[in-house]
N, C-alpha and C. Protein backbone atom coordinates (compact mmCIF):
# COMPACT_ATOMS: atom_id res chain seq x y z
N UNK A 1 0.85 -1.17 0.00
CA UNK A 1 0.00 0.00 0.00
C UNK A 1 0.90 1.24 0.00
N UNK A 2 0.57 2.18 -0.82
CA UNK A 2 1.35 3.42 -0.90
C UNK A 2 0.61 4.54 -0.21
N UNK A 3 1.29 5.69 -0.03
CA UNK A 3 0.65 6.86 0.57
C UNK A 3 -0.56 7.29 -0.24
N UNK A 4 -0.53 7.05 -1.53
CA UNK A 4 -1.65 7.45 -2.39
C UNK A 4 -2.90 6.63 -2.09
N UNK A 5 -2.70 5.41 -1.52
CA UNK A 5 -3.83 4.55 -1.20
C UNK A 5 -4.52 4.94 0.10
N UNK A 6 -3.84 5.69 0.95
CA UNK A 6 -4.36 6.02 2.27
C UNK A 6 -4.47 7.53 2.42
N UNK A 7 -5.69 8.01 2.62
CA UNK A 7 -5.84 9.45 2.82
C UNK A 7 -6.08 9.78 4.29
N UNK A 8 -6.58 8.80 5.06
CA UNK A 8 -6.77 9.01 6.48
C UNK A 8 -6.76 7.68 7.21
N UNK A 9 -6.40 7.74 8.48
CA UNK A 9 -6.37 6.55 9.31
C UNK A 9 -7.18 6.84 10.56
N UNK A 10 -7.93 5.87 11.02
CA UNK A 10 -8.74 6.04 12.23
C UNK A 10 -7.91 5.65 13.45
N UNK A 11 -7.89 6.55 14.44
CA UNK A 11 -7.17 6.30 15.69
C UNK A 11 -8.13 6.64 16.83
N UNK A 12 -8.72 5.63 17.43
CA UNK A 12 -9.69 5.89 18.50
C UNK A 12 -10.86 6.70 17.98
N UNK A 13 -11.10 7.85 18.63
CA UNK A 13 -12.21 8.72 18.24
C UNK A 13 -11.84 9.65 17.09
N UNK A 14 -10.60 9.63 16.65
CA UNK A 14 -10.13 10.59 15.67
C UNK A 14 -9.73 9.93 14.37
N UNK A 15 -9.81 10.69 13.31
CA UNK A 15 -9.29 10.27 12.02
C UNK A 15 -8.13 11.22 11.72
N UNK A 16 -7.01 10.66 11.36
CA UNK A 16 -5.83 11.48 11.09
C UNK A 16 -5.52 11.41 9.60
N UNK A 17 -5.44 12.57 8.96
CA UNK A 17 -5.11 12.63 7.55
C UNK A 17 -3.64 12.37 7.34
N UNK A 18 -3.23 12.04 6.10
CA UNK A 18 -1.83 11.74 5.84
C UNK A 18 -0.93 12.96 6.03
N UNK A 19 -1.53 14.14 6.03
CA UNK A 19 -0.73 15.33 6.27
C UNK A 19 -0.53 15.59 7.75
N UNK A 20 -1.03 14.68 8.60
CA UNK A 20 -0.84 14.82 10.04
C UNK A 20 -1.91 15.64 10.73
N UNK A 21 -2.79 16.25 9.96
CA UNK A 21 -3.86 17.06 10.55
C UNK A 21 -4.90 16.13 11.18
N UNK A 22 -5.34 16.49 12.36
CA UNK A 22 -6.34 15.70 13.06
C UNK A 22 -7.73 16.14 12.60
N UNK A 23 -8.55 15.17 12.27
CA UNK A 23 -9.92 15.45 11.87
C UNK A 23 -10.81 14.86 12.96
N UNK A 24 -11.52 15.70 13.70
CA UNK A 24 -12.39 15.22 14.78
C UNK A 24 -13.61 14.54 14.18
N UNK A 25 -13.85 13.33 14.59
CA UNK A 25 -15.02 12.60 14.13
C UNK A 25 -15.88 12.31 15.35
N UNK A 26 -17.09 12.80 15.33
CA UNK A 26 -17.98 12.64 16.47
C UNK A 26 -18.51 11.21 16.55
N UNK A 27 -18.48 10.66 17.74
CA UNK A 27 -19.08 9.36 18.00
C UNK A 27 -20.39 9.63 18.71
N UNK A 28 -21.46 9.08 18.18
CA UNK A 28 -22.78 9.27 18.78
C UNK A 28 -22.80 8.63 20.17
N UNK A 29 -23.40 9.35 21.13
CA UNK A 29 -23.50 8.88 22.50
C UNK A 29 -24.95 8.52 22.77
N UNK A 30 -25.20 7.23 22.98
CA UNK A 30 -26.56 6.76 23.24
C UNK A 30 -26.60 6.16 24.64
N UNK A 31 -27.58 6.63 25.41
CA UNK A 31 -27.75 6.11 26.76
C UNK A 31 -29.13 5.46 26.86
N UNK A 32 -29.17 4.28 27.47
CA UNK A 32 -30.42 3.61 27.78
C UNK A 32 -30.59 3.74 29.28
N UNK A 33 -31.64 4.45 29.69
CA UNK A 33 -31.88 4.72 31.10
C UNK A 33 -32.90 3.74 31.66
N UNK A 34 -32.55 3.11 32.77
CA UNK A 34 -33.49 2.20 33.41
C UNK A 34 -32.79 1.32 34.42
N UNK A 35 -33.57 0.82 35.40
CA UNK A 35 -32.98 0.04 36.49
C UNK A 35 -32.58 -1.38 36.13
N UNK A 36 -32.97 -1.87 34.96
CA UNK A 36 -32.60 -3.23 34.57
C UNK A 36 -33.78 -4.17 34.45
N UNK A 37 -34.98 -3.62 34.41
CA UNK A 37 -36.19 -4.43 34.25
C UNK A 37 -36.21 -5.05 32.85
N UNK A 38 -37.11 -6.01 32.61
CA UNK A 38 -37.17 -6.64 31.28
C UNK A 38 -37.40 -5.63 30.14
N UNK A 39 -38.22 -4.60 30.36
CA UNK A 39 -38.44 -3.59 29.31
C UNK A 39 -37.16 -2.81 29.02
N UNK A 40 -36.40 -2.53 30.06
CA UNK A 40 -35.12 -1.81 29.89
C UNK A 40 -34.13 -2.69 29.14
N UNK A 41 -34.11 -3.97 29.47
CA UNK A 41 -33.20 -4.90 28.79
C UNK A 41 -33.55 -5.02 27.31
N UNK A 42 -34.85 -5.07 27.00
CA UNK A 42 -35.27 -5.16 25.61
C UNK A 42 -34.92 -3.88 24.85
N UNK A 43 -35.09 -2.74 25.52
CA UNK A 43 -34.74 -1.46 24.90
C UNK A 43 -33.25 -1.42 24.58
N UNK A 44 -32.42 -1.84 25.51
CA UNK A 44 -30.97 -1.87 25.28
C UNK A 44 -30.64 -2.79 24.11
N UNK A 45 -31.28 -3.94 24.05
CA UNK A 45 -31.06 -4.89 22.94
C UNK A 45 -31.45 -4.25 21.61
N UNK A 46 -32.61 -3.59 21.56
CA UNK A 46 -33.06 -2.93 20.33
C UNK A 46 -32.09 -1.85 19.89
N UNK A 47 -31.60 -1.07 20.86
CA UNK A 47 -30.65 0.01 20.54
C UNK A 47 -29.37 -0.57 19.95
N UNK A 48 -28.82 -1.58 20.61
CA UNK A 48 -27.57 -2.18 20.13
C UNK A 48 -27.74 -2.80 18.74
N UNK A 49 -28.87 -3.44 18.50
CA UNK A 49 -29.11 -4.04 17.19
C UNK A 49 -29.28 -2.96 16.12
N UNK A 50 -29.98 -1.88 16.46
CA UNK A 50 -30.17 -0.78 15.50
C UNK A 50 -28.84 -0.14 15.14
N UNK A 51 -27.98 0.06 16.14
CA UNK A 51 -26.66 0.64 15.89
C UNK A 51 -25.86 -0.29 14.99
N UNK A 52 -25.90 -1.57 15.28
CA UNK A 52 -25.16 -2.55 14.48
C UNK A 52 -25.69 -2.60 13.05
N UNK A 53 -26.99 -2.64 12.89
CA UNK A 53 -27.59 -2.76 11.56
C UNK A 53 -27.39 -1.52 10.69
N UNK A 54 -27.25 -0.36 11.32
CA UNK A 54 -27.04 0.87 10.54
C UNK A 54 -25.55 1.14 10.33
N UNK A 55 -24.70 0.40 11.03
CA UNK A 55 -23.26 0.62 10.91
C UNK A 55 -22.82 1.94 11.52
N UNK A 56 -23.62 2.45 12.44
CA UNK A 56 -23.32 3.74 13.07
C UNK A 56 -22.14 3.62 14.01
N UNK A 57 -21.42 4.72 14.12
CA UNK A 57 -20.32 4.80 15.06
C UNK A 57 -20.89 5.41 16.34
N UNK A 58 -21.30 4.54 17.26
CA UNK A 58 -21.97 5.00 18.47
C UNK A 58 -21.50 4.23 19.69
N UNK A 59 -21.51 4.93 20.80
CA UNK A 59 -21.21 4.30 22.09
C UNK A 59 -22.56 4.15 22.80
N UNK A 60 -22.90 2.92 23.18
CA UNK A 60 -24.16 2.66 23.89
C UNK A 60 -23.82 2.38 25.34
N UNK A 61 -24.48 3.14 26.23
CA UNK A 61 -24.23 3.01 27.66
C UNK A 61 -25.54 2.77 28.38
N UNK A 62 -25.54 1.84 29.32
CA UNK A 62 -26.72 1.57 30.15
C UNK A 62 -26.55 2.35 31.45
N UNK A 63 -27.54 3.17 31.79
CA UNK A 63 -27.50 3.97 33.01
C UNK A 63 -28.58 3.44 33.95
N UNK A 64 -28.16 2.92 35.12
CA UNK A 64 -29.10 2.34 36.07
C UNK A 64 -29.25 3.17 37.34
N UNK A 65 -28.34 4.09 37.57
CA UNK A 65 -28.38 4.93 38.77
C UNK A 65 -29.55 5.91 38.68
N UNK A 66 -30.46 5.83 39.65
CA UNK A 66 -31.67 6.65 39.60
C UNK A 66 -31.37 8.14 39.66
N UNK A 67 -30.33 8.55 40.37
CA UNK A 67 -29.97 9.97 40.41
C UNK A 67 -29.49 10.45 39.04
N UNK A 68 -28.72 9.61 38.35
CA UNK A 68 -28.26 9.96 36.99
C UNK A 68 -29.44 10.02 36.03
N UNK A 69 -30.37 9.08 36.16
CA UNK A 69 -31.55 9.07 35.31
C UNK A 69 -32.36 10.35 35.52
N UNK A 70 -32.54 10.74 36.78
CA UNK A 70 -33.32 11.94 37.10
C UNK A 70 -32.70 13.21 36.51
N UNK A 71 -31.39 13.24 36.32
CA UNK A 71 -30.72 14.41 35.74
C UNK A 71 -31.22 14.70 34.32
N UNK A 72 -31.77 13.69 33.66
CA UNK A 72 -32.30 13.88 32.31
C UNK A 72 -33.77 14.32 32.34
N UNK A 73 -34.33 14.48 33.54
CA UNK A 73 -35.72 14.87 33.66
C UNK A 73 -36.66 13.73 33.32
N UNK A 74 -36.15 12.53 33.40
CA UNK A 74 -36.91 11.33 33.04
C UNK A 74 -37.46 10.70 34.31
N UNK A 75 -38.77 10.52 34.33
CA UNK A 75 -39.39 9.91 35.50
C UNK A 75 -40.10 8.61 35.17
N UNK A 76 -39.89 8.13 33.96
CA UNK A 76 -40.39 6.83 33.54
C UNK A 76 -39.29 6.12 32.79
N UNK A 77 -39.26 4.80 32.91
CA UNK A 77 -38.25 4.03 32.20
C UNK A 77 -38.96 2.89 31.46
N UNK A 78 -38.32 2.36 30.45
CA UNK A 78 -37.01 2.72 29.91
C UNK A 78 -37.06 4.06 29.18
N UNK A 79 -35.88 4.66 29.05
CA UNK A 79 -35.75 5.89 28.28
C UNK A 79 -34.50 5.79 27.42
N UNK A 80 -34.53 6.49 26.30
CA UNK A 80 -33.37 6.51 25.39
C UNK A 80 -32.96 7.96 25.19
N UNK A 81 -31.67 8.22 25.36
CA UNK A 81 -31.10 9.56 25.17
C UNK A 81 -30.01 9.45 24.12
N UNK A 82 -30.10 10.30 23.08
CA UNK A 82 -29.08 10.31 22.03
C UNK A 82 -28.45 11.69 22.00
N UNK A 83 -27.15 11.71 22.21
CA UNK A 83 -26.38 12.96 22.24
C UNK A 83 -27.06 14.03 23.10
N UNK A 84 -27.51 13.60 24.29
CA UNK A 84 -28.09 14.51 25.27
C UNK A 84 -29.56 14.82 25.08
N UNK A 85 -30.18 14.32 24.00
CA UNK A 85 -31.60 14.56 23.73
C UNK A 85 -32.42 13.34 24.09
N UNK A 86 -33.43 13.53 24.95
CA UNK A 86 -34.32 12.43 25.31
C UNK A 86 -35.21 12.12 24.11
N UNK A 87 -35.18 10.88 23.66
CA UNK A 87 -35.93 10.47 22.47
C UNK A 87 -37.17 9.64 22.82
N UNK A 88 -37.12 8.93 23.94
CA UNK A 88 -38.22 8.04 24.29
C UNK A 88 -38.26 7.87 25.79
N UNK A 89 -39.48 7.82 26.34
CA UNK A 89 -39.66 7.62 27.78
C UNK A 89 -40.83 6.68 28.01
N UNK A 90 -40.63 5.68 28.86
CA UNK A 90 -41.72 4.84 29.33
C UNK A 90 -42.22 3.79 28.36
N UNK A 91 -41.48 3.53 27.29
CA UNK A 91 -41.89 2.48 26.35
C UNK A 91 -40.66 1.87 25.69
N UNK A 92 -40.88 0.73 25.06
CA UNK A 92 -39.80 0.08 24.32
C UNK A 92 -39.86 0.57 22.88
N UNK A 93 -38.90 1.37 22.46
CA UNK A 93 -38.91 1.82 21.06
C UNK A 93 -38.53 0.67 20.12
N UNK A 94 -39.12 0.69 18.94
CA UNK A 94 -38.79 -0.35 17.96
C UNK A 94 -37.42 -0.04 17.34
N UNK A 95 -36.84 -1.05 16.72
CA UNK A 95 -35.56 -0.84 16.04
C UNK A 95 -35.71 0.19 14.92
N UNK A 96 -36.85 0.18 14.24
CA UNK A 96 -37.07 1.15 13.16
C UNK A 96 -37.11 2.58 13.70
N UNK A 97 -37.77 2.78 14.85
CA UNK A 97 -37.78 4.12 15.47
C UNK A 97 -36.36 4.56 15.80
N UNK A 98 -35.61 3.66 16.40
CA UNK A 98 -34.24 3.98 16.81
C UNK A 98 -33.38 4.30 15.60
N UNK A 99 -33.54 3.53 14.53
CA UNK A 99 -32.78 3.79 13.30
C UNK A 99 -33.08 5.18 12.75
N UNK A 100 -34.32 5.62 12.82
CA UNK A 100 -34.68 6.96 12.36
C UNK A 100 -34.00 8.03 13.23
N UNK A 101 -33.96 7.82 14.53
CA UNK A 101 -33.29 8.78 15.42
C UNK A 101 -31.81 8.86 15.09
N UNK A 102 -31.21 7.69 14.87
CA UNK A 102 -29.78 7.64 14.57
C UNK A 102 -29.49 8.38 13.26
N UNK A 103 -30.34 8.17 12.25
CA UNK A 103 -30.13 8.79 10.94
C UNK A 103 -30.22 10.32 11.01
N UNK A 104 -31.05 10.83 11.91
CA UNK A 104 -31.25 12.29 12.01
C UNK A 104 -30.15 12.98 12.80
N UNK A 105 -29.34 12.22 13.53
CA UNK A 105 -28.29 12.84 14.35
C UNK A 105 -27.15 13.32 13.51
């Protein structure tokens, strides 16, 4: 492979161009809020499958601490938060719904 074949390389959260310039690439931050009930577990599964099926570059985190959940103004679970925006509260979103949210980010 020659330099002409490579214009950028991915290093963690960043992509570095061959000229050494760092190109910031945002990784979507998805949080599934809930104490771990079956509905919360299904929501987490749907989110992870939607991320995988869309090939999105996202970090999925499960938040079970009630004080952390309350910081989002969420008083029903499961809830889904994408890049700080609450997308769903109190229901299990479908994979298709989640894929639409991911596409709009």
